[in-house]
Amino acid sequence: MKITVNDVGREVRSTLLAAALDELGYTDAIIATAINGHFVAAAARPSTVLAEGDELEIVAPMQGG
């Protein structure tokens, strides 16, 4: 299925967010996620369904000052 990840078109086989994140290489990463502009908590990722054309934003915390 085609989705957009951080403004880049990607193809994923997974239909659940947690599995798609694993597929995209974010298995153990500490990240925040949003689908179509709506925040998705880490606890909700295993049951959050992705659909064709969804826009997924993945943000990793940054350190510095």
PDB file of N, CA and C in Angstrom:
ATOM      1  N   MET A   1       0.845  -1.157   0.000  1.00  0.00           N
ATOM      2  CA  MET A   1       0.000   0.000   0.000  1.00  0.00           C
ATOM      3  C   MET A   1       0.897   1.228   0.000  1.00  0.00           C
ATOM      4  N   LYS A   2       0.448   2.268  -0.653  1.00  0.00           N
ATOM      5  CA  LYS A   2       1.226   3.500  -0.737  1.00  0.00           C
ATOM      6  C   LYS A   2       0.773   4.467   0.349  1.00  0.00           C
ATOM      7  N   ILE A   3       1.768   4.941   1.130  1.00  0.00           N
ATOM      8  CA  ILE A   3       1.527   5.975   2.125  1.00  0.00           C
ATOM      9  C   ILE A   3       2.626   7.029   1.967  1.00  0.00           C
ATOM     10  N   THR A   4       2.465   8.138   2.641  1.00  0.00           N
ATOM     11  CA  THR A   4       3.495   9.163   2.652  1.00  0.00           C
ATOM     12  C   THR A   4       4.108   9.183   4.042  1.00  0.00           C
ATOM     13  N   VAL A   5       5.433   9.096   4.103  1.00  0.00           N
ATOM     14  CA  VAL A   5       6.156   9.110   5.370  1.00  0.00           C
ATOM     15  C   VAL A   5       7.070  10.325   5.365  1.00  0.00           C
ATOM     16  N   ASN A   6       6.777  11.266   6.259  1.00  0.00           N
ATOM     17  CA  ASN A   6       7.564  12.504   6.338  1.00  0.00           C
ATOM     18  C   ASN A   6       7.740  13.132   4.950  1.00  0.00           C
ATOM     19  N   ASP A   7       6.639  13.252   4.236  1.00  0.00           N
ATOM     20  CA  ASP A   7       6.569  13.901   2.916  1.00  0.00           C
ATOM     21  C   ASP A   7       7.242  13.120   1.787  1.00  0.00           C
ATOM     22  N   VAL A   8       7.543  11.843   2.018  1.00  0.00           N
ATOM     23  CA  VAL A   8       8.149  11.003   0.987  1.00  0.00           C
ATOM     24  C   VAL A   8       7.230   9.809   0.742  1.00  0.00           C
ATOM     25  N   GLY A   9       6.896   9.556  -0.505  1.00  0.00           N
ATOM     26  CA  GLY A   9       6.068   8.409  -0.844  1.00  0.00           C
ATOM     27  C   GLY A   9       6.786   7.106  -0.532  1.00  0.00           C
ATOM     28  N   ARG A  10       6.094   6.205   0.154  1.00  0.00           N
ATOM     29  CA  ARG A  10       6.666   4.904   0.509  1.00  0.00           C
ATOM     30  C   ARG A  10       5.643   3.817   0.250  1.00  0.00           C
ATOM     31  N   GLU A  11       6.123   2.618   0.041  1.00  0.00           N
ATOM     32  CA  GLU A  11       5.285   1.431  -0.138  1.00  0.00           C
ATOM     33  C   GLU A  11       5.497   0.541   1.083  1.00  0.00           C
ATOM     34  N   VAL A  12       4.407   0.152   1.752  1.00  0.00           N
ATOM     35  CA  VAL A  12       4.493  -0.756   2.902  1.00  0.00           C
ATOM     36  C   VAL A  12       3.502  -1.887   2.715  1.00  0.00           C
ATOM     37  N   ARG A  13       3.818  -3.045   3.276  1.00  0.00           N
ATOM     38  CA  ARG A  13       2.911  -4.200   3.221  1.00  0.00           C
ATOM     39  C   ARG A  13       1.996  -4.240   4.431  1.00  0.00           C
ATOM     40  N   SER A  14       2.470  -3.696   5.537  1.00  0.00           N
ATOM     41  CA  SER A  14       1.740  -3.751   6.796  1.00  0.00           C
ATOM     42  C   SER A  14       0.545  -2.814   6.795  1.00  0.00           C
ATOM     43  N   THR A  15      -0.539  -3.249   7.444  1.00  0.00           N
ATOM     44  CA  THR A  15      -1.716  -2.389   7.567  1.00  0.00           C
ATOM     45  C   THR A  15      -1.870  -1.831   8.978  1.00  0.00           C
ATOM     46  N   LEU A  16      -1.061  -2.303   9.920  1.00  0.00           N
ATOM     47  CA  LEU A  16      -1.076  -1.759  11.274  1.00  0.00           C
ATOM     48  C   LEU A  16       0.157  -0.883  11.475  1.00  0.00           C
ATOM     49  N   LEU A  17      -0.041   0.228  12.176  1.00  0.00           N
ATOM     50  CA  LEU A  17       1.037   1.202  12.331  1.00  0.00           C
ATOM     51  C   LEU A  17       2.294   0.601  12.947  1.00  0.00           C
ATOM     52  N   ALA A  18       2.168  -0.161  14.020  1.00  0.00           N
ATOM     53  CA  ALA A  18       3.354  -0.731  14.674  1.00  0.00           C
ATOM     54  C   ALA A  18       4.147  -1.612  13.717  1.00  0.00           C
ATOM     55  N   ALA A  19       3.470  -2.433  12.953  1.00  0.00           N
ATOM     56  CA  ALA A  19       4.146  -3.313  11.999  1.00  0.00           C
ATOM     57  C   ALA A  19       4.777  -2.504  10.872  1.00  0.00           C
ATOM     58  N   ALA A  20       4.109  -1.457  10.426  1.00  0.00           N
ATOM     59  CA  ALA A  20       4.669  -0.596   9.372  1.00  0.00           C
ATOM     60  C   ALA A  20       5.928   0.104   9.873  1.00  0.00           C
ATOM     61  N   LEU A  21       5.926   0.545  11.121  1.00  0.00           N
ATOM     62  CA  LEU A  21       7.121   1.174  11.686  1.00  0.00           C
ATOM     63  C   LEU A  21       8.280   0.189  11.726  1.00  0.00           C
ATOM     64  N   ASP A  22       8.013  -1.056  12.090  1.00  0.00           N
ATOM     65  CA  ASP A  22       9.052  -2.094  12.050  1.00  0.00           C
ATOM     66  C   ASP A  22       9.574  -2.258  10.627  1.00  0.00           C
ATOM     67  N   GLU A  23       8.661  -2.326   9.688  1.00  0.00           N
ATOM     68  CA  GLU A  23       9.020  -2.500   8.277  1.00  0.00           C
ATOM     69  C   GLU A  23       9.881  -1.334   7.769  1.00  0.00           C
ATOM     70  N   LEU A  24       9.613  -0.142   8.288  1.00  0.00           N
ATOM     71  CA  LEU A  24      10.350   1.056   7.866  1.00  0.00           C
ATOM     72  C   LEU A  24      11.658   1.250   8.626  1.00  0.00           C
ATOM     73  N   GLY A  25      11.943   0.351   9.591  1.00  0.00           N
ATOM     74  CA  GLY A  25      13.222   0.411  10.300  1.00  0.00           C
ATOM     75  C   GLY A  25      13.186   1.160  11.622  1.00  0.00           C
ATOM     76  N   TYR A  26      12.016   1.389  12.181  1.00  0.00           N
ATOM     77  CA  TYR A  26      11.888   2.111  13.447  1.00  0.00           C
ATOM     78  C   TYR A  26      11.575   1.180  14.613  1.00  0.00           C
ATOM     79  N   THR A  27      12.011  -0.055  14.563  1.00  0.00           N
ATOM     80  CA  THR A  27      11.637  -1.071  15.543  1.00  0.00           C
ATOM     81  C   THR A  27      11.859  -0.634  16.991  1.00  0.00           C
ATOM     82  N   ASP A  28      13.036  -0.191  17.350  1.00  0.00           N
ATOM     83  CA  ASP A  28      13.349   0.162  18.735  1.00  0.00           C
ATOM     84  C   ASP A  28      13.547   1.660  18.933  1.00  0.00           C
ATOM     85  N   ALA A  29      13.169   2.458  17.948  1.00  0.00           N
ATOM     86  CA  ALA A  29      13.386   3.898  18.026  1.00  0.00           C
ATOM     87  C   ALA A  29      12.383   4.569  18.965  1.00  0.00           C
ATOM     88  N   ILE A  30      12.856   5.602  19.650  1.00  0.00           N
ATOM     89  CA  ILE A  30      11.976   6.428  20.468  1.00  0.00           C
ATOM     90  C   ILE A  30      11.485   7.558  19.575  1.00  0.00           C
ATOM     91  N   ILE A  31      10.205   7.495  19.228  1.00  0.00           N
ATOM     92  CA  ILE A  31       9.650   8.423  18.256  1.00  0.00           C
ATOM     93  C   ILE A  31       8.242   8.849  18.666  1.00  0.00           C
ATOM     94  N   ALA A  32       7.778   9.905  18.027  1.00  0.00           N
ATOM     95  CA  ALA A  32       6.377  10.311  18.113  1.00  0.00           C
ATOM     96  C   ALA A  32       5.793  10.107  16.724  1.00  0.00           C
ATOM     97  N   THR A  33       4.512   9.734  16.666  1.00  0.00           N
ATOM     98  CA  THR A  33       3.882   9.474  15.368  1.00  0.00           C
ATOM     99  C   THR A  33       2.554  10.204  15.252  1.00  0.00           C
ATOM    100  N   ALA A  34       2.230  10.545  14.017  1.00  0.00           N
ATOM    101  CA  ALA A  34       0.932  11.141  13.710  1.00  0.00           C
ATOM    102  C   ALA A  34       0.484  10.611  12.352  1.00  0.00           C
ATOM    103  N   ILE A  35      -0.804  10.360  12.232  1.00  0.00           N
ATOM    104  CA  ILE A  35      -1.388   9.946  10.960  1.00  0.00           C
ATOM    105  C   ILE A  35      -2.402  11.008  10.547  1.00  0.00           C
ATOM    106  N   ASN A  36      -2.196  11.529   9.359  1.00  0.00           N
ATOM    107  CA  ASN A  36      -3.082  12.564   8.817  1.00  0.00           C
ATOM    108  C   ASN A  36      -3.277  13.705   9.806  1.00  0.00           C
ATOM    109  N   GLY A  37      -2.168  14.073  10.489  1.00  0.00           N
ATOM    110  CA  GLY A  37      -2.189  15.205  11.400  1.00  0.00           C
ATOM    111  C   GLY A  37      -2.690  14.918  12.798  1.00  0.00           C
ATOM    112  N   HIS A  38      -3.016  13.662  13.109  1.00  0.00           N
ATOM    113  CA  HIS A  38      -3.525  13.294  14.421  1.00  0.00           C
ATOM    114  C   HIS A  38      -2.499  12.439  15.152  1.00  0.00           C
ATOM    115  N   PHE A  39      -2.088  12.902  16.347  1.00  0.00           N
ATOM    116  CA  PHE A  39      -1.112  12.190  17.156  1.00  0.00           C
ATOM    117  C   PHE A  39      -1.596  10.772  17.460  1.00  0.00           C
ATOM    118  N   VAL A  40      -0.671   9.807  17.381  1.00  0.00           N
ATOM    119  CA  VAL A  40      -0.967   8.418  17.739  1.00  0.00           C
ATOM    120  C   VAL A  40      -0.002   8.012  18.854  1.00  0.00           C
ATOM    121  N   ALA A  41      -0.540   7.750  20.038  1.00  0.00           N
ATOM    122  CA  ALA A  41       0.283   7.343  21.178  1.00  0.00           C
ATOM    123  C   ALA A  41       0.935   5.988  20.908  1.00  0.00           C
ATOM    124  N   ALA A  42       2.087   5.778  21.521  1.00  0.00           N
ATOM    125  CA  ALA A  42       2.822   4.517  21.332  1.00  0.00           C
ATOM    126  C   ALA A  42       1.955   3.311  21.679  1.00  0.00           C
ATOM    127  N   ALA A  43       1.165   3.414  22.729  1.00  0.00           N
ATOM    128  CA  ALA A  43       0.317   2.291  23.146  1.00  0.00           C
ATOM    129  C   ALA A  43      -0.766   1.963  22.123  1.00  0.00           C
ATOM    130  N   ALA A  44      -1.133   2.927  21.293  1.00  0.00           N
ATOM    131  CA  ALA A  44      -2.189   2.721  20.298  1.00  0.00           C
ATOM    132  C   ALA A  44      -1.662   2.208  18.960  1.00  0.00           C
ATOM    133  N   ARG A  45      -0.362   2.237  18.759  1.00  0.00           N
ATOM    134  CA  ARG A  45       0.207   1.852  17.457  1.00  0.00           C
ATOM    135  C   ARG A  45      -0.121   0.420  17.025  1.00  0.00           C
ATOM    136  N   PRO A  46      -0.107  -0.569  17.923  1.00  0.00           N
ATOM    137  CA  PRO A  46      -0.402  -1.936  17.483  1.00  0.00           C
ATOM    138  C   PRO A  46      -1.818  -2.125  16.944  1.00  0.00           C
ATOM    139  N   SER A  47      -2.744  -1.271  17.321  1.00  0.00           N
ATOM    140  CA  SER A  47      -4.131  -1.416  16.868  1.00  0.00           C
ATOM    141  C   SER A  47      -4.563  -0.322  15.891  1.00  0.00           C
ATOM    142  N   THR A  48      -3.647   0.572  15.532  1.00  0.00           N
ATOM    143  CA  THR A  48      -3.979   1.655  14.607  1.00  0.00           C
ATOM    144  C   THR A  48      -3.817   1.170  13.169  1.00  0.00           C
ATOM    145  N   VAL A  49      -4.904   1.242  12.415  1.00  0.00           N
ATOM    146  CA  VAL A  49      -4.924   0.742  11.042  1.00  0.00           C
ATOM    147  C   VAL A  49      -4.517   1.853  10.078  1.00  0.00           C
ATOM    148  N   LEU A  50      -3.626   1.494   9.145  1.00  0.00           N
ATOM    149  CA  LEU A  50      -3.232   2.407   8.076  1.00  0.00           C
ATOM    150  C   LEU A  50      -4.082   2.140   6.840  1.00  0.00           C
ATOM    151  N   ALA A  51      -4.335   3.192   6.079  1.00  0.00           N
ATOM    152  CA  ALA A  51      -5.093   3.064   4.840  1.00  0.00           C
ATOM    153  C   ALA A  51      -4.283   3.655   3.687  1.00  0.00           C
ATOM    154  N   GLU A  52      -4.571   3.193   2.501  1.00  0.00           N
ATOM    155  CA  GLU A  52      -3.938   3.706   1.283  1.00  0.00           C
ATOM    156  C   GLU A  52      -4.007   5.232   1.286  1.00  0.00           C
ATOM    157  N   GLY A  53      -2.859   5.870   1.059  1.00  0.00           N
ATOM    158  CA  GLY A  53      -2.810   7.324   0.954  1.00  0.00           C
ATOM    159  C   GLY A  53      -2.630   8.062   2.262  1.00  0.00           C
ATOM    160  N   ASP A  54      -2.566   7.344   3.394  1.00  0.00           N
ATOM    161  CA  ASP A  54      -2.362   8.018   4.671  1.00  0.00           C
ATOM    162  C   ASP A  54      -1.036   8.768   4.677  1.00  0.00           C
ATOM    163  N   GLU A  55      -1.009   9.847   5.463  1.00  0.00           N
ATOM    164  CA  GLU A  55       0.217  10.618   5.656  1.00  0.00           C
ATOM    165  C   GLU A  55       0.717  10.361   7.070  1.00  0.00           C
ATOM    166  N   LEU A  56       1.868   9.715   7.176  1.00  0.00           N
ATOM    167  CA  LEU A  56       2.474   9.359   8.450  1.00  0.00           C
ATOM    168  C   LEU A  56       3.637  10.300   8.720  1.00  0.00           C
ATOM    169  N   GLU A  57       3.604  10.930   9.890  1.00  0.00           N
ATOM    170  CA  GLU A  57       4.720  11.762  10.329  1.00  0.00           C
ATOM    171  C   GLU A  57       5.417  11.041  11.466  1.00  0.00           C
ATOM    172  N   ILE A  58       6.750  10.958  11.371  1.00  0.00           N
ATOM    173  CA  ILE A  58       7.562  10.321  12.405  1.00  0.00           C
ATOM    174  C   ILE A  58       8.586  11.358  12.861  1.00  0.00           C
ATOM    175  N   VAL A  59       8.585  11.629  14.166  1.00  0.00           N
ATOM    176  CA  VAL A  59       9.486  12.626  14.712  1.00  0.00           C
ATOM    177  C   VAL A  59      10.291  11.992  15.837  1.00  0.00           C
ATOM    178  N   ALA A  60      11.606  12.181  15.793  1.00  0.00           N
ATOM    179  CA  ALA A  60      12.484  11.668  16.841  1.00  0.00           C
ATOM    180  C   ALA A  60      12.946  12.848  17.706  1.00  0.00           C
ATOM    181  N   PRO A  61      13.039  12.650  19.036  1.00  0.00           N
ATOM    182  CA  PRO A  61      13.507  13.728  19.894  1.00  0.00           C
ATOM    183  C   PRO A  61      14.948  14.086  19.578  1.00  0.00           C
ATOM    184  N   MET A  62      15.247  15.357  19.753  1.00  0.00           N
ATOM    185  CA  MET A  62      16.612  15.850  19.489  1.00  0.00           C
ATOM    186  C   MET A  62      17.185  16.448  20.777  1.00  0.00           C
ATOM    187  N   GLN A  63      18.496  16.336  20.928  1.00  0.00           N
ATOM    188  CA  GLN A  63      19.161  16.927  22.070  1.00  0.00           C
ATOM    189  C   GLN A  63      19.993  18.104  21.599  1.00  0.00           C
ATOM    190  N   GLY A  64      20.254  18.980  22.483  1.00  0.00           N
ATOM    191  CA  GLY A  64      21.088  20.115  22.137  1.00  0.00           C
ATOM    192  C   GLY A  64      20.523  21.383  22.753  1.00  0.00           C
ATOM    193  N   GLY A  65      21.190  22.466  22.470  1.00  0.00           N
ATOM    194  CA  GLY A  65      20.707  23.702  23.093  1.00  0.00           C
ATOM    195  C   GLY A  65      21.184  24.907  22.423  1.00  0.00           C
TER     196      GLY A  65
END
